[in-house]
């Protein structure tokens, strides 16, 4: 069984290159951004694979900087 990997807003901010909280909120609120799988007391969480897939399409600059 494959483990479920989740990502919160802080991890998304880091993965997006250290963007501000406000910018991360703007990005995660976009209509084309994956929907969160849960809204916890600590905040929303997304499936890591959904966020990574979105970044491959919309943030190619991040993939290139990691090579």
PDB file of N, CA and C in Angstrom:
ATOM      1  N   UNK A   1       0.843  -1.192   0.000  1.00  0.00           N
ATOM      2  CA  UNK A   1       0.000   0.000   0.000  1.00  0.00           C
ATOM      3  C   UNK A   1       0.883   1.249   0.000  1.00  0.00           C
ATOM      4  N   UNK A   2       0.590   2.149  -0.896  1.00  0.00           N
ATOM      5  CA  UNK A   2       1.367   3.386  -1.034  1.00  0.00           C
ATOM      6  C   UNK A   2       0.960   4.377   0.060  1.00  0.00           C
ATOM      7  N   UNK A   3       1.922   4.938   0.808  1.00  0.00           N
ATOM      8  CA  UNK A   3       1.569   5.907   1.847  1.00  0.00           C
ATOM      9  C   UNK A   3       1.029   7.205   1.231  1.00  0.00           C
ATOM     10  N   UNK A   4       0.130   7.833   1.949  1.00  0.00           N
ATOM     11  CA  UNK A   4      -0.422   9.117   1.522  1.00  0.00           C
ATOM     12  C   UNK A   4       0.522  10.214   1.998  1.00  0.00           C
ATOM     13  N   UNK A   5       1.006  11.025   1.064  1.00  0.00           N
ATOM     14  CA  UNK A   5       1.882  12.141   1.410  1.00  0.00           C
ATOM     15  C   UNK A   5       1.082  13.430   1.297  1.00  0.00           C
ATOM     16  N   UNK A   6       1.138  14.222   2.348  1.00  0.00           N
ATOM     17  CA  UNK A   6       0.399  15.481   2.392  1.00  0.00           C
ATOM     18  C   UNK A   6       1.361  16.650   2.465  1.00  0.00           C
ATOM     19  N   UNK A   7       0.862  17.803   2.057  1.00  0.00           N
ATOM     20  CA  UNK A   7       1.651  19.024   2.050  1.00  0.00           C
ATOM     21  C   UNK A   7       0.777  20.166   2.557  1.00  0.00           C
ATOM     22  N   UNK A   8       1.285  20.896   3.532  1.00  0.00           N
ATOM     23  CA  UNK A   8       0.577  22.058   4.042  1.00  0.00           C
ATOM     24  C   UNK A   8       1.080  23.333   3.389  1.00  0.00           C
ATOM     25  N   UNK A   9       0.517  24.452   3.789  1.00  0.00           N
ATOM     26  CA  UNK A   9       0.876  25.740   3.187  1.00  0.00           C
ATOM     27  C   UNK A   9       2.362  26.051   3.353  1.00  0.00           C
ATOM     28  N   UNK A  10       2.928  25.713   4.505  1.00  0.00           N
ATOM     29  CA  UNK A  10       4.347  26.003   4.728  1.00  0.00           C
ATOM     30  C   UNK A  10       5.224  25.227   3.745  1.00  0.00           C
ATOM     31  N   UNK A  11       4.933  23.947   3.561  1.00  0.00           N
ATOM     32  CA  UNK A  11       5.701  23.147   2.616  1.00  0.00           C
ATOM     33  C   UNK A  11       5.534  23.653   1.189  1.00  0.00           C
ATOM     34  N   UNK A  12       4.337  24.095   0.866  1.00  0.00           N
ATOM     35  CA  UNK A  12       4.102  24.658  -0.472  1.00  0.00           C
ATOM     36  C   UNK A  12       4.920  25.927  -0.654  1.00  0.00           C
ATOM     37  N   UNK A  13       4.956  26.770   0.365  1.00  0.00           N
ATOM     38  CA  UNK A  13       5.757  28.005   0.286  1.00  0.00           C
ATOM     39  C   UNK A  13       7.218  27.689   0.009  1.00  0.00           C
ATOM     40  N   UNK A  14       7.745  26.697   0.730  1.00  0.00           N
ATOM     41  CA  UNK A  14       9.144  26.311   0.538  1.00  0.00           C
ATOM     42  C   UNK A  14       9.351  25.758  -0.864  1.00  0.00           C
ATOM     43  N   UNK A  15       8.462  24.871  -1.287  1.00  0.00           N
ATOM     44  CA  UNK A  15       8.579  24.235  -2.602  1.00  0.00           C
ATOM     45  C   UNK A  15       8.475  25.251  -3.737  1.00  0.00           C
ATOM     46  N   UNK A  16       7.746  26.339  -3.504  1.00  0.00           N
ATOM     47  CA  UNK A  16       7.613  27.397  -4.510  1.00  0.00           C
ATOM     48  C   UNK A  16       8.787  28.377  -4.481  1.00  0.00           C
ATOM     49  N   UNK A  17       9.796  28.061  -3.721  1.00  0.00           N
ATOM     50  CA  UNK A  17      10.989  28.895  -3.708  1.00  0.00           C
ATOM     51  C   UNK A  17      11.006  29.929  -2.598  1.00  0.00           C
ATOM     52  N   UNK A  18      10.253  29.700  -1.536  1.00  0.00           N
ATOM     53  CA  UNK A  18      10.258  30.624  -0.405  1.00  0.00           C
ATOM     54  C   UNK A  18       9.372  31.845  -0.596  1.00  0.00           C
ATOM     55  N   UNK A  19       8.256  31.672  -1.292  1.00  0.00           N
ATOM     56  CA  UNK A  19       7.347  32.800  -1.493  1.00  0.00           C
ATOM     57  C   UNK A  19       6.706  33.206  -0.169  1.00  0.00           C
ATOM     58  N   UNK A  20       6.149  34.394  -0.136  1.00  0.00           N
ATOM     59  CA  UNK A  20       5.490  34.897   1.071  1.00  0.00           C
ATOM     60  C   UNK A  20       4.196  34.126   1.338  1.00  0.00           C
ATOM     61  N   UNK A  21       3.692  34.251   2.553  1.00  0.00           N
ATOM     62  CA  UNK A  21       2.413  33.619   2.900  1.00  0.00           C
ATOM     63  C   UNK A  21       1.302  34.130   2.000  1.00  0.00           C
ATOM     64  N   UNK A  22       1.303  35.441   1.760  1.00  0.00           N
ATOM     65  CA  UNK A  22       0.268  36.040   0.911  1.00  0.00           C
ATOM     66  C   UNK A  22       0.332  35.476  -0.505  1.00  0.00           C
ATOM     67  N   UNK A  23       1.545  35.351  -1.056  1.00  0.00           N
ATOM     68  CA  UNK A  23       1.689  34.820  -2.414  1.00  0.00           C
ATOM     69  C   UNK A  23       1.272  33.348  -2.458  1.00  0.00           C
ATOM     70  N   UNK A  24       1.629  32.561  -1.451  1.00  0.00           N
ATOM     71  CA  UNK A  24       1.218  31.158  -1.396  1.00  0.00           C
ATOM     72  C   UNK A  24      -0.304  31.061  -1.343  1.00  0.00           C
ATOM     73  N   UNK A  25      -0.945  31.944  -0.581  1.00  0.00           N
ATOM     74  CA  UNK A  25      -2.410  31.951  -0.507  1.00  0.00           C
ATOM     75  C   UNK A  25      -3.009  32.268  -1.879  1.00  0.00           C
ATOM     76  N   UNK A  26      -2.422  33.252  -2.576  1.00  0.00           N
ATOM     77  CA  UNK A  26      -2.913  33.604  -3.907  1.00  0.00           C
ATOM     78  C   UNK A  26      -2.812  32.403  -4.856  1.00  0.00           C
ATOM     79  N   UNK A  27      -1.691  31.704  -4.797  1.00  0.00           N
ATOM     80  CA  UNK A  27      -1.479  30.564  -5.688  1.00  0.00           C
ATOM     81  C   UNK A  27      -2.423  29.423  -5.343  1.00  0.00           C
ATOM     82  N   UNK A  28      -2.535  29.088  -4.054  1.00  0.00           N
ATOM     83  CA  UNK A  28      -3.387  27.961  -3.655  1.00  0.00           C
ATOM     84  C   UNK A  28      -4.867  28.275  -3.812  1.00  0.00           C
ATOM     85  N   UNK A  29      -5.217  29.535  -3.989  1.00  0.00           N
ATOM     86  CA  UNK A  29      -6.616  29.927  -4.197  1.00  0.00           C
ATOM     87  C   UNK A  29      -7.005  29.963  -5.668  1.00  0.00           C
ATOM     88  N   UNK A  30      -6.047  29.770  -6.554  1.00  0.00           N
ATOM     89  CA  UNK A  30      -6.340  29.780  -7.990  1.00  0.00           C
ATOM     90  C   UNK A  30      -7.306  28.661  -8.335  1.00  0.00           C
ATOM     91  N   UNK A  31      -8.131  28.885  -9.321  1.00  0.00           N
ATOM     92  CA  UNK A  31      -9.105  27.877  -9.752  1.00  0.00           C
ATOM     93  C   UNK A  31      -8.424  26.625 -10.293  1.00  0.00           C
ATOM     94  N   UNK A  32      -7.233  26.786 -10.886  1.00  0.00           N
ATOM     95  CA  UNK A  32      -6.549  25.629 -11.462  1.00  0.00           C
ATOM     96  C   UNK A  32      -5.612  24.914 -10.479  1.00  0.00           C
ATOM     97  N   UNK A  33      -5.507  25.416  -9.253  1.00  0.00           N
ATOM     98  CA  UNK A  33      -4.670  24.749  -8.248  1.00  0.00           C
ATOM     99  C   UNK A  33      -5.465  23.593  -7.654  1.00  0.00           C
ATOM    100  N   UNK A  34      -4.798  22.481  -7.318  1.00  0.00           N
ATOM    101  CA  UNK A  34      -5.533  21.343  -6.746  1.00  0.00           C
ATOM    102  C   UNK A  34      -6.336  21.737  -5.503  1.00  0.00           C
ATOM    103  N   UNK A  35      -7.463  21.103  -5.339  1.00  0.00           N
ATOM    104  CA  UNK A  35      -8.296  21.347  -4.161  1.00  0.00           C
ATOM    105  C   UNK A  35      -7.659  20.647  -2.958  1.00  0.00           C
ATOM    106  N   UNK A  36      -7.720  21.263  -1.782  1.00  0.00           N
ATOM    107  CA  UNK A  36      -7.183  20.591  -0.589  1.00  0.00           C
ATOM    108  C   UNK A  36      -7.999  19.336  -0.275  1.00  0.00           C
ATOM    109  N   UNK A  37      -7.324  18.351   0.307  1.00  0.00           N
ATOM    110  CA  UNK A  37      -8.019  17.109   0.676  1.00  0.00           C
ATOM    111  C   UNK A  37      -8.653  17.223   2.050  1.00  0.00           C
ATOM    112  N   UNK A  38      -8.211  18.204   2.845  1.00  0.00           N
ATOM    113  CA  UNK A  38      -8.793  18.421   4.171  1.00  0.00           C
ATOM    114  C   UNK A  38      -8.512  19.854   4.613  1.00  0.00           C
ATOM    115  N   UNK A  39      -9.394  20.361   5.464  1.00  0.00           N
ATOM    116  CA  UNK A  39      -9.223  21.677   6.063  1.00  0.00           C
ATOM    117  C   UNK A  39      -9.180  21.452   7.574  1.00  0.00           C
ATOM    118  N   UNK A  40      -7.972  21.379   8.125  1.00  0.00           N
ATOM    119  CA  UNK A  40      -7.764  21.073   9.535  1.00  0.00           C
ATOM    120  C   UNK A  40      -7.661  22.355  10.356  1.00  0.00           C
ATOM    121  N   UNK A  41      -7.631  22.220  11.662  1.00  0.00           N
ATOM    122  CA  UNK A  41      -7.466  23.380  12.537  1.00  0.00           C
ATOM    123  C   UNK A  41      -6.151  24.096  12.222  1.00  0.00           C
ATOM    124  N   UNK A  42      -5.139  23.339  11.823  1.00  0.00           N
ATOM    125  CA  UNK A  42      -3.834  23.919  11.478  1.00  0.00           C
ATOM    126  C   UNK A  42      -3.817  24.537  10.087  1.00  0.00           C
ATOM    127  N   UNK A  43      -4.828  24.271   9.288  1.00  0.00           N
ATOM    128  CA  UNK A  43      -4.889  24.803   7.934  1.00  0.00           C
ATOM    129  C   UNK A  43      -5.207  23.716   6.927  1.00  0.00           C
ATOM    130  N   UNK A  44      -5.223  24.097   5.676  1.00  0.00           N
ATOM    131  CA  UNK A  44      -5.541  23.167   4.596  1.00  0.00           C
ATOM    132  C   UNK A  44      -4.347  22.281   4.286  1.00  0.00           C
ATOM    133  N   UNK A  45      -4.640  21.073   3.796  1.00  0.00           N
ATOM    134  CA  UNK A  45      -3.592  20.162   3.348  1.00  0.00           C
ATOM    135  C   UNK A  45      -3.962  19.615   1.977  1.00  0.00           C
ATOM    136  N   UNK A  46      -2.933  19.408   1.169  1.00  0.00           N
ATOM    137  CA  UNK A  46      -3.089  18.926  -0.196  1.00  0.00           C
ATOM    138  C   UNK A  46      -2.305  17.633  -0.351  1.00  0.00           C
ATOM    139  N   UNK A  47      -2.705  16.827  -1.319  1.00  0.00           N
ATOM    140  CA  UNK A  47      -1.909  15.660  -1.673  1.00  0.00           C
ATOM    141  C   UNK A  47      -0.634  16.149  -2.353  1.00  0.00           C
ATOM    142  N   UNK A  48       0.495  15.684  -1.886  1.00  0.00           N
ATOM    143  CA  UNK A  48       1.779  16.110  -2.444  1.00  0.00           C
ATOM    144  C   UNK A  48       1.841  15.838  -3.936  1.00  0.00           C
ATOM    145  N   UNK A  49       1.360  14.671  -4.369  1.00  0.00           N
ATOM    146  CA  UNK A  49       1.436  14.343  -5.797  1.00  0.00           C
ATOM    147  C   UNK A  49       0.615  15.310  -6.645  1.00  0.00           C
ATOM    148  N   UNK A  50      -0.508  15.808  -6.126  1.00  0.00           N
ATOM    149  CA  UNK A  50      -1.318  16.790  -6.861  1.00  0.00           C
ATOM    150  C   UNK A  50      -0.575  18.116  -6.989  1.00  0.00           C
ATOM    151  N   UNK A  51       0.045  18.563  -5.889  1.00  0.00           N
ATOM    152  CA  UNK A  51       0.778  19.833  -5.896  1.00  0.00           C
ATOM    153  C   UNK A  51       1.990  19.733  -6.822  1.00  0.00           C
ATOM    154  N   UNK A  52       2.726  18.624  -6.725  1.00  0.00           N
ATOM    155  CA  UNK A  52       3.900  18.441  -7.588  1.00  0.00           C
ATOM    156  C   UNK A  52       3.503  18.414  -9.061  1.00  0.00           C
ATOM    157  N   UNK A  53       2.401  17.752  -9.383  1.00  0.00           N
ATOM    158  CA  UNK A  53       1.935  17.710 -10.773  1.00  0.00           C
ATOM    159  C   UNK A  53       1.568  19.111 -11.254  1.00  0.00           C
ATOM    160  N   UNK A  54       0.916  19.902 -10.417  1.00  0.00           N
ATOM    161  CA  UNK A  54       0.559  21.273 -10.774  1.00  0.00           C
ATOM    162  C   UNK A  54       1.825  22.090 -11.030  1.00  0.00           C
ATOM    163  N   UNK A  55       2.825  21.923 -10.157  1.00  0.00           N
ATOM    164  CA  UNK A  55       4.068  22.684 -10.308  1.00  0.00           C
ATOM    165  C   UNK A  55       4.808  22.314 -11.588  1.00  0.00           C
ATOM    166  N   UNK A  56       4.754  21.059 -11.998  1.00  0.00           N
ATOM    167  CA  UNK A  56       5.429  20.651 -13.237  1.00  0.00           C
ATOM    168  C   UNK A  56       4.849  21.384 -14.445  1.00  0.00           C
ATOM    169  N   UNK A  57       3.562  21.682 -14.406  1.00  0.00           N
ATOM    170  CA  UNK A  57       2.901  22.370 -15.510  1.00  0.00           C
ATOM    171  C   UNK A  57       3.052  23.886 -15.398  1.00  0.00           C
ATOM    172  N   UNK A  58       2.865  24.431 -14.200  1.00  0.00           N
ATOM    173  CA  UNK A  58       2.781  25.878 -14.024  1.00  0.00           C
ATOM    174  C   UNK A  58       4.056  26.545 -13.523  1.00  0.00           C
ATOM    175  N   UNK A  59       4.972  25.779 -12.962  1.00  0.00           N
ATOM    176  CA  UNK A  59       6.182  26.376 -12.392  1.00  0.00           C
ATOM    177  C   UNK A  59       7.420  25.622 -12.866  1.00  0.00           C
ATOM    178  N   UNK A  60       7.581  25.534 -14.159  1.00  0.00           N
ATOM    179  CA  UNK A  60       8.712  24.799 -14.734  1.00  0.00           C
ATOM    180  C   UNK A  60      10.058  25.354 -14.281  1.00  0.00           C
ATOM    181  N   UNK A  61      10.095  26.645 -13.966  1.00  0.00           N
ATOM    182  CA  UNK A  61      11.340  27.270 -13.513  1.00  0.00           C
ATOM    183  C   UNK A  61      11.857  26.600 -12.246  1.00  0.00           C
ATOM    184  N   UNK A  62      10.977  26.095 -11.395  1.00  0.00           N
ATOM    185  CA  UNK A  62      11.398  25.429 -10.161  1.00  0.00           C
ATOM    186  C   UNK A  62      12.024  24.080 -10.456  1.00  0.00           C
ATOM    187  N   UNK A  63      11.487  23.342 -11.408  1.00  0.00           N
ATOM    188  CA  UNK A  63      12.055  22.046 -11.766  1.00  0.00           C
ATOM    189  C   UNK A  63      13.454  22.204 -12.326  1.00  0.00           C
ATOM    190  N   UNK A  64      13.670  23.225 -13.156  1.00  0.00           N
ATOM    191  CA  UNK A  64      14.966  23.442 -13.771  1.00  0.00           C
ATOM    192  C   UNK A  64      16.015  23.821 -12.735  1.00  0.00           C
ATOM    193  N   UNK A  65      15.629  24.569 -11.697  1.00  0.00           N
ATOM    194  CA  UNK A  65      16.596  25.023 -10.698  1.00  0.00           C
ATOM    195  C   UNK A  65      17.051  23.885  -9.788  1.00  0.00           C
ATOM    196  N   UNK A  66      16.316  22.770  -9.759  1.00  0.00           N
ATOM    197  CA  UNK A  66      16.674  21.673  -8.877  1.00  0.00           C
ATOM    198  C   UNK A  66      17.602  20.662  -9.528  1.00  0.00           C
ATOM    199  N   UNK A  67      17.813  20.753 -10.822  1.00  0.00           N
ATOM    200  CA  UNK A  67      18.666  19.780 -11.518  1.00  0.00           C
ATOM    201  C   UNK A  67      20.118  19.980 -11.205  1.00  0.00           C
TER     202      UNK A  67
END
